[in-house]
Amino acid sequence: MKTRRLTAIVALASLGALIALDLGWSKPLDPYKAPPLLALGSGQAASGAHCAALPH
């Protein structure tokens, strides 16, 4: 019983520390610079993957 309680406390403390660090170091989101969530048919070229490097 003590092991389970200790594991839960460590997990919740780690989650709380991660959230606190994220809130302290992150910048507010800028919706005008963010990439589109879904870009289906938007005309934007894909980038960043080997399948996006199509031959010319």
C-alpha atoms as a PDB file:
ATOM      1  CA  MET A   1       0.000   0.000   0.000  1.00  0.00           C
ATOM      2  CA  LYS A   2       2.841   2.406   0.789  1.00  0.00           C
ATOM      3  CA  THR A   3       4.507   1.802  -2.580  1.00  0.00           C
ATOM      4  CA  ARG A   4       1.340   2.622  -4.486  1.00  0.00           C
ATOM      5  CA  ARG A   5       0.806   5.826  -2.497  1.00  0.00           C
ATOM      6  CA  LEU A   6       4.441   6.891  -2.971  1.00  0.00           C
ATOM      7  CA  THR A   7       4.236   6.235  -6.719  1.00  0.00           C
ATOM      8  CA  ALA A   8       1.041   8.289  -6.995  1.00  0.00           C
ATOM      9  CA  ILE A   9       2.575  11.178  -5.052  1.00  0.00           C
ATOM     10  CA  VAL A  10       5.733  11.162  -7.190  1.00  0.00           C
ATOM     11  CA  ALA A  11       3.665  11.008 -10.406  1.00  0.00           C
ATOM     12  CA  LEU A  12       1.404  13.886  -9.376  1.00  0.00           C
ATOM     13  CA  ALA A  13       4.356  15.973  -8.183  1.00  0.00           C
ATOM     14  CA  SER A  14       6.158  15.374 -11.485  1.00  0.00           C
ATOM     15  CA  LEU A  15       3.057  16.332 -13.452  1.00  0.00           C
ATOM     16  CA  GLY A  16       2.622  19.479 -11.353  1.00  0.00           C
ATOM     17  CA  ALA A  17       6.290  20.425 -11.858  1.00  0.00           C
ATOM     18  CA  LEU A  18       5.969  19.907 -15.617  1.00  0.00           C
ATOM     19  CA  ILE A  19       2.865  22.105 -15.780  1.00  0.00           C
ATOM     20  CA  ALA A  20       4.543  24.795 -13.643  1.00  0.00           C
ATOM     21  CA  LEU A  21       7.629  24.811 -15.876  1.00  0.00           C
ATOM     22  CA  ASP A  22       5.492  24.984 -18.997  1.00  0.00           C
ATOM     23  CA  LEU A  23       3.480  27.915 -17.651  1.00  0.00           C
ATOM     24  CA  GLY A  24       6.626  29.742 -16.562  1.00  0.00           C
ATOM     25  CA  TRP A  25       8.689  29.329 -19.739  1.00  0.00           C
ATOM     26  CA  SER A  26       6.166  29.255 -22.567  1.00  0.00           C
ATOM     27  CA  LYS A  27       5.188  32.283 -24.626  1.00  0.00           C
ATOM     28  CA  PRO A  28       1.606  33.213 -25.485  1.00  0.00           C
ATOM     29  CA  LEU A  29       0.401  31.662 -28.741  1.00  0.00           C
ATOM     30  CA  ASP A  30       0.230  33.894 -31.805  1.00  0.00           C
ATOM     31  CA  PRO A  31      -2.591  32.623 -34.020  1.00  0.00           C
ATOM     32  CA  TYR A  32      -1.299  34.656 -36.975  1.00  0.00           C
ATOM     33  CA  LYS A  33       2.059  32.839 -37.022  1.00  0.00           C
ATOM     34  CA  ALA A  34       0.733  29.371 -36.230  1.00  0.00           C
ATOM     35  CA  PRO A  35       0.556  26.801 -39.030  1.00  0.00           C
ATOM     36  CA  PRO A  36      -2.925  25.715 -40.083  1.00  0.00           C
ATOM     37  CA  LEU A  37      -4.349  22.785 -38.153  1.00  0.00           C
ATOM     38  CA  LEU A  38      -5.578  21.135 -41.345  1.00  0.00           C
ATOM     39  CA  ALA A  39      -4.189  22.398 -44.640  1.00  0.00           C
ATOM     40  CA  LEU A  40      -6.203  20.243 -47.013  1.00  0.00           C
ATOM     41  CA  GLY A  41      -6.411  22.063 -50.329  1.00  0.00           C
ATOM     42  CA  SER A  42      -4.818  25.217 -48.948  1.00  0.00           C
ATOM     43  CA  GLY A  43      -2.081  25.311 -51.591  1.00  0.00           C
ATOM     44  CA  GLN A  44       0.691  25.181 -49.006  1.00  0.00           C
ATOM     45  CA  ALA A  45       3.505  22.811 -49.870  1.00  0.00           C
ATOM     46  CA  ALA A  46       4.360  20.048 -47.458  1.00  0.00           C
ATOM     47  CA  SER A  47       7.777  20.240 -45.824  1.00  0.00           C
ATOM     48  CA  GLY A  48       9.866  18.465 -43.257  1.00  0.00           C
ATOM     49  CA  ALA A  49       9.598  14.849 -44.369  1.00  0.00           C
ATOM     50  CA  HIS A  50      11.202  12.650 -46.987  1.00  0.00           C
ATOM     51  CA  CYS A  51       7.881  12.136 -48.722  1.00  0.00           C
ATOM     52  CA  ALA A  52       7.571  15.902 -49.189  1.00  0.00           C
ATOM     53  CA  ALA A  53      10.719  16.019 -51.356  1.00  0.00           C
ATOM     54  CA  LEU A  54       9.075  15.226 -54.668  1.00  0.00           C
ATOM     55  CA  PRO A  55      11.236  15.165 -57.817  1.00  0.00           C
ATOM     56  CA  HIS A  56      11.010  18.182 -60.106  1.00  0.00           C
END
